[in-house]
Amino acid sequence: MKLSTPTKLVFWLSTALAVLGILGKFIAIPFVSSYNFWLVAAGFVLLWLGNVLKGF
């Protein structure tokens, strides 16, 4: 399996999702705190897709 570099958009979206999820764990943010695990998981899945799929 060849890995590719994710686009800048995918990288920053996945980073933003992961940061929001982590912040939601420690700071009470109405929607984010309820789904903090899923936001971090979605960020990692998005980053994984950006690495596995070429041009994503």
PDB file of N, CA and C in Angstrom:
ATOM      1  N   MET A   1       0.848  -1.163   0.000  1.00  0.00           N
ATOM      2  CA  MET A   1       0.000   0.000   0.000  1.00  0.00           C
ATOM      3  C   MET A   1       0.900   1.234   0.000  1.00  0.00           C
ATOM      4  N   LYS A   2       0.654   2.112  -0.954  1.00  0.00           N
ATOM      5  CA  LYS A   2       1.399   3.357  -1.011  1.00  0.00           C
ATOM      6  C   LYS A   2       0.608   4.446  -0.302  1.00  0.00           C
ATOM      7  N   LEU A   3       1.292   5.209   0.509  1.00  0.00           N
ATOM      8  CA  LEU A   3       0.649   6.316   1.203  1.00  0.00           C
ATOM      9  C   LEU A   3       0.920   7.604   0.447  1.00  0.00           C
ATOM     10  N   SER A   4      -0.031   8.504   0.522  1.00  0.00           N
ATOM     11  CA  SER A   4       0.145   9.803  -0.115  1.00  0.00           C
ATOM     12  C   SER A   4      -0.062  10.903   0.918  1.00  0.00           C
ATOM     13  N   THR A   5       0.413  12.066   0.577  1.00  0.00           N
ATOM     14  CA  THR A   5       0.258  13.211   1.468  1.00  0.00           C
ATOM     15  C   THR A   5      -1.174  13.733   1.368  1.00  0.00           C
ATOM     16  N   PRO A   6      -1.862  13.947   2.494  1.00  0.00           N
ATOM     17  CA  PRO A   6      -3.206  14.514   2.414  1.00  0.00           C
ATOM     18  C   PRO A   6      -3.144  15.974   1.965  1.00  0.00           C
ATOM     19  N   THR A   7      -4.237  16.434   1.409  1.00  0.00           N
ATOM     20  CA  THR A   7      -4.287  17.837   1.014  1.00  0.00           C
ATOM     21  C   THR A   7      -4.303  18.709   2.266  1.00  0.00           C
ATOM     22  N   LYS A   8      -3.981  19.963   2.070  1.00  0.00           N
ATOM     23  CA  LYS A   8      -3.952  20.875   3.213  1.00  0.00           C
ATOM     24  C   LYS A   8      -5.328  21.007   3.853  1.00  0.00           C
ATOM     25  N   LEU A   9      -6.379  21.014   3.035  1.00  0.00           N
ATOM     26  CA  LEU A   9      -7.742  21.122   3.560  1.00  0.00           C
ATOM     27  C   LEU A   9      -8.073  19.938   4.464  1.00  0.00           C
ATOM     28  N   VAL A  10      -7.776  18.734   4.010  1.00  0.00           N
ATOM     29  CA  VAL A  10      -8.047  17.531   4.812  1.00  0.00           C
ATOM     30  C   VAL A  10      -7.233  17.546   6.089  1.00  0.00           C
ATOM     31  N   PHE A  11      -5.961  17.939   5.992  1.00  0.00           N
ATOM     32  CA  PHE A  11      -5.120  17.996   7.185  1.00  0.00           C
ATOM     33  C   PHE A  11      -5.684  18.965   8.212  1.00  0.00           C
ATOM     34  N   TRP A  12      -6.048  20.180   7.782  1.00  0.00           N
ATOM     35  CA  TRP A  12      -6.535  21.175   8.738  1.00  0.00           C
ATOM     36  C   TRP A  12      -7.926  20.836   9.272  1.00  0.00           C
ATOM     37  N   LEU A  13      -8.784  20.222   8.451  1.00  0.00           N
ATOM     38  CA  LEU A  13     -10.092  19.788   8.958  1.00  0.00           C
ATOM     39  C   LEU A  13      -9.939  18.696  10.016  1.00  0.00           C
ATOM     40  N   SER A  14      -9.071  17.737   9.758  1.00  0.00           N
ATOM     41  CA  SER A  14      -8.873  16.671  10.745  1.00  0.00           C
ATOM     42  C   SER A  14      -8.232  17.210  12.020  1.00  0.00           C
ATOM     43  N   THR A  15      -7.322  18.153  11.875  1.00  0.00           N
ATOM     44  CA  THR A  15      -6.717  18.775  13.056  1.00  0.00           C
ATOM     45  C   THR A  15      -7.755  19.545  13.857  1.00  0.00           C
ATOM     46  N   ALA A  16      -8.613  20.296  13.169  1.00  0.00           N
ATOM     47  CA  ALA A  16      -9.656  21.059  13.860  1.00  0.00           C
ATOM     48  C   ALA A  16     -10.629  20.141  14.593  1.00  0.00           C
ATOM     49  N   LEU A  17     -11.019  19.031  13.964  1.00  0.00           N
ATOM     50  CA  LEU A  17     -11.917  18.089  14.631  1.00  0.00           C
ATOM     51  C   LEU A  17     -11.272  17.486  15.875  1.00  0.00           C
ATOM     52  N   ALA A  18     -10.004  17.115  15.762  1.00  0.00           N
ATOM     53  CA  ALA A  18      -9.314  16.524  16.909  1.00  0.00           C
ATOM     54  C   ALA A  18      -9.151  17.535  18.039  1.00  0.00           C
ATOM     55  N   VAL A  19      -8.801  18.764  17.708  1.00  0.00           N
ATOM     56  CA  VAL A  19      -8.637  19.800  18.742  1.00  0.00           C
ATOM     57  C   VAL A  19      -9.974  20.096  19.410  1.00  0.00           C
ATOM     58  N   LEU A  20     -11.046  20.196  18.626  1.00  0.00           N
ATOM     59  CA  LEU A  20     -12.364  20.425  19.221  1.00  0.00           C
ATOM     60  C   LEU A  20     -12.755  19.290  20.161  1.00  0.00           C
ATOM     61  N   GLY A  21     -12.485  18.060  19.747  1.00  0.00           N
ATOM     62  CA  GLY A  21     -12.802  16.916  20.606  1.00  0.00           C
ATOM     63  C   GLY A  21     -12.019  16.921  21.894  1.00  0.00           C
ATOM     64  N   ILE A  22     -10.736  17.262  21.812  1.00  0.00           N
ATOM     65  CA  ILE A  22      -9.907  17.319  23.021  1.00  0.00           C
ATOM     66  C   ILE A  22     -10.347  18.461  23.925  1.00  0.00           C
ATOM     67  N   LEU A  23     -10.625  19.621  23.340  1.00  0.00           N
ATOM     68  CA  LEU A  23     -11.111  20.742  24.153  1.00  0.00           C
ATOM     69  C   LEU A  23     -12.457  20.418  24.800  1.00  0.00           C
ATOM     70  N   GLY A  24     -13.305  19.699  24.072  1.00  0.00           N
ATOM     71  CA  GLY A  24     -14.607  19.316  24.612  1.00  0.00           C
ATOM     72  C   GLY A  24     -14.504  18.390  25.809  1.00  0.00           C
ATOM     73  N   LYS A  25     -13.401  17.696  25.924  1.00  0.00           N
ATOM     74  CA  LYS A  25     -13.196  16.825  27.087  1.00  0.00           C
ATOM     75  C   LYS A  25     -12.913  17.636  28.348  1.00  0.00           C
ATOM     76  N   PHE A  26     -12.205  18.755  28.200  1.00  0.00           N
ATOM     77  CA  PHE A  26     -11.765  19.522  29.367  1.00  0.00           C
ATOM     78  C   PHE A  26     -12.549  20.806  29.607  1.00  0.00           C
ATOM     79  N   ILE A  27     -13.222  21.314  28.582  1.00  0.00           N
ATOM     80  CA  ILE A  27     -14.008  22.547  28.705  1.00  0.00           C
ATOM     81  C   ILE A  27     -15.441  22.219  28.305  1.00  0.00           C
ATOM     82  N   ALA A  28     -16.397  22.715  29.052  1.00  0.00           N
ATOM     83  CA  ALA A  28     -17.802  22.445  28.761  1.00  0.00           C
ATOM     84  C   ALA A  28     -18.259  23.296  27.570  1.00  0.00           C
ATOM     85  N   ILE A  29     -18.317  22.666  26.410  1.00  0.00           N
ATOM     86  CA  ILE A  29     -18.831  23.290  25.193  1.00  0.00           C
ATOM     87  C   ILE A  29     -20.090  22.515  24.832  1.00  0.00           C
ATOM     88  N   PRO A  30     -21.251  23.184  24.692  1.00  0.00           N
ATOM     89  CA  PRO A  30     -22.533  22.478  24.593  1.00  0.00           C
ATOM     90  C   PRO A  30     -22.565  21.276  23.642  1.00  0.00           C
ATOM     91  N   PHE A  31     -22.343  21.425  22.380  1.00  0.00           N
ATOM     92  CA  PHE A  31     -22.443  20.294  21.443  1.00  0.00           C
ATOM     93  C   PHE A  31     -21.184  19.438  21.459  1.00  0.00           C
ATOM     94  N   VAL A  32     -20.056  20.081  21.551  1.00  0.00           N
ATOM     95  CA  VAL A  32     -18.763  19.402  21.426  1.00  0.00           C
ATOM     96  C   VAL A  32     -18.512  18.454  22.588  1.00  0.00           C
ATOM     97  N   SER A  33     -18.864  18.850  23.780  1.00  0.00           N
ATOM     98  CA  SER A  33     -18.594  18.012  24.955  1.00  0.00           C
ATOM     99  C   SER A  33     -19.378  16.703  24.918  1.00  0.00           C
ATOM    100  N   SER A  34     -20.529  16.710  24.271  1.00  0.00           N
ATOM    101  CA  SER A  34     -21.336  15.490  24.175  1.00  0.00           C
ATOM    102  C   SER A  34     -20.727  14.473  23.219  1.00  0.00           C
ATOM    103  N   TYR A  35     -20.027  14.960  22.205  1.00  0.00           N
ATOM    104  CA  TYR A  35     -19.498  14.089  21.156  1.00  0.00           C
ATOM    105  C   TYR A  35     -17.982  14.190  21.025  1.00  0.00           C
ATOM    106  N   ASN A  36     -17.278  14.434  22.115  1.00  0.00           N
ATOM    107  CA  ASN A  36     -15.834  14.656  22.030  1.00  0.00           C
ATOM    108  C   ASN A  36     -15.085  13.447  21.490  1.00  0.00           C
ATOM    109  N   PHE A  37     -15.436  12.250  21.904  1.00  0.00           N
ATOM    110  CA  PHE A  37     -14.760  11.058  21.387  1.00  0.00           C
ATOM    111  C   PHE A  37     -14.983  10.912  19.892  1.00  0.00           C
ATOM    112  N   TRP A  38     -16.211  11.126  19.449  1.00  0.00           N
ATOM    113  CA  TRP A  38     -16.537  10.942  18.030  1.00  0.00           C
ATOM    114  C   TRP A  38     -15.891  12.010  17.158  1.00  0.00           C
ATOM    115  N   LEU A  39     -15.695  13.199  17.693  1.00  0.00           N
ATOM    116  CA  LEU A  39     -14.998  14.232  16.931  1.00  0.00           C
ATOM    117  C   LEU A  39     -13.530  13.871  16.728  1.00  0.00           C
ATOM    118  N   VAL A  40     -12.898  13.368  17.765  1.00  0.00           N
ATOM    119  CA  VAL A  40     -11.498  12.951  17.635  1.00  0.00           C
ATOM    120  C   VAL A  40     -11.400  11.749  16.686  1.00  0.00           C
ATOM    121  N   ALA A  41     -12.318  10.807  16.813  1.00  0.00           N
ATOM    122  CA  ALA A  41     -12.307   9.642  15.930  1.00  0.00           C
ATOM    123  C   ALA A  41     -12.531  10.061  14.477  1.00  0.00           C
ATOM    124  N   ALA A  42     -13.449  10.980  14.233  1.00  0.00           N
ATOM    125  CA  ALA A  42     -13.695  11.459  12.874  1.00  0.00           C
ATOM    126  C   ALA A  42     -12.473  12.176  12.318  1.00  0.00           C
ATOM    127  N   GLY A  43     -11.774  12.922  13.155  1.00  0.00           N
ATOM    128  CA  GLY A  43     -10.559  13.585  12.721  1.00  0.00           C
ATOM    129  C   GLY A  43      -9.486  12.599  12.297  1.00  0.00           C
ATOM    130  N   PHE A  44      -9.318  11.534  13.061  1.00  0.00           N
ATOM    131  CA  PHE A  44      -8.316  10.532  12.706  1.00  0.00           C
ATOM    132  C   PHE A  44      -8.724   9.744  11.466  1.00  0.00           C
ATOM    133  N   VAL A  45     -10.001   9.435  11.317  1.00  0.00           N
ATOM    134  CA  VAL A  45     -10.466   8.735  10.116  1.00  0.00           C
ATOM    135  C   VAL A  45     -10.274   9.613   8.888  1.00  0.00           C
ATOM    136  N   LEU A  46     -10.579  10.889   9.005  1.00  0.00           N
ATOM    137  CA  LEU A  46     -10.382  11.809   7.890  1.00  0.00           C
ATOM    138  C   LEU A  46      -8.907  11.899   7.516  1.00  0.00           C
ATOM    139  N   LEU A  47      -8.038  11.964   8.494  1.00  0.00           N
ATOM    140  CA  LEU A  47      -6.605  12.002   8.224  1.00  0.00           C
ATOM    141  C   LEU A  47      -6.135  10.694   7.606  1.00  0.00           C
ATOM    142  N   TRP A  48      -6.648   9.580   8.062  1.00  0.00           N
ATOM    143  CA  TRP A  48      -6.306   8.280   7.491  1.00  0.00           C
ATOM    144  C   TRP A  48      -6.732   8.200   6.035  1.00  0.00           C
ATOM    145  N   LEU A  49      -7.947   8.658   5.747  1.00  0.00           N
ATOM    146  CA  LEU A  49      -8.412   8.663   4.360  1.00  0.00           C
ATOM    147  C   LEU A  49      -7.537   9.555   3.489  1.00  0.00           C
ATOM    148  N   GLY A  50      -7.109  10.666   4.039  1.00  0.00           N
ATOM    149  CA  GLY A  50      -6.232  11.553   3.293  1.00  0.00           C
ATOM    150  C   GLY A  50      -4.890  10.921   2.987  1.00  0.00           C
ATOM    151  N   ASN A  51      -4.434  10.019   3.830  1.00  0.00           N
ATOM    152  CA  ASN A  51      -3.169   9.326   3.586  1.00  0.00           C
ATOM    153  C   ASN A  51      -3.315   8.145   2.647  1.00  0.00           C
ATOM    154  N   VAL A  52      -4.431   7.457   2.731  1.00  0.00           N
ATOM    155  CA  VAL A  52      -4.612   6.226   1.943  1.00  0.00           C
ATOM    156  C   VAL A  52      -5.091   6.535   0.526  1.00  0.00           C
ATOM    157  N   LEU A  53      -6.014   7.470   0.372  1.00  0.00           N
ATOM    158  CA  LEU A  53      -6.567   7.780  -0.941  1.00  0.00           C
ATOM    159  C   LEU A  53      -5.773   8.894  -1.609  1.00  0.00           C
ATOM    160  N   LYS A  54      -5.359   8.662  -2.819  1.00  0.00           N
ATOM    161  CA  LYS A  54      -4.548   9.644  -3.537  1.00  0.00           C
ATOM    162  C   LYS A  54      -5.442  10.811  -3.971  1.00  0.00           C
ATOM    163  N   GLY A  55      -4.994  12.024  -3.678  1.00  0.00           N
ATOM    164  CA  GLY A  55      -5.732  13.222  -4.075  1.00  0.00           C
ATOM    165  C   GLY A  55      -6.879  13.582  -3.162  1.00  0.00           C
ATOM    166  N   PHE A  56      -6.970  12.965  -2.003  1.00  0.00           N
ATOM    167  CA  PHE A  56      -8.074  13.239  -1.081  1.00  0.00           C
ATOM    168  C   PHE A  56      -7.667  14.270  -0.076  1.00  0.00           C
TER     169      PHE A  56
END
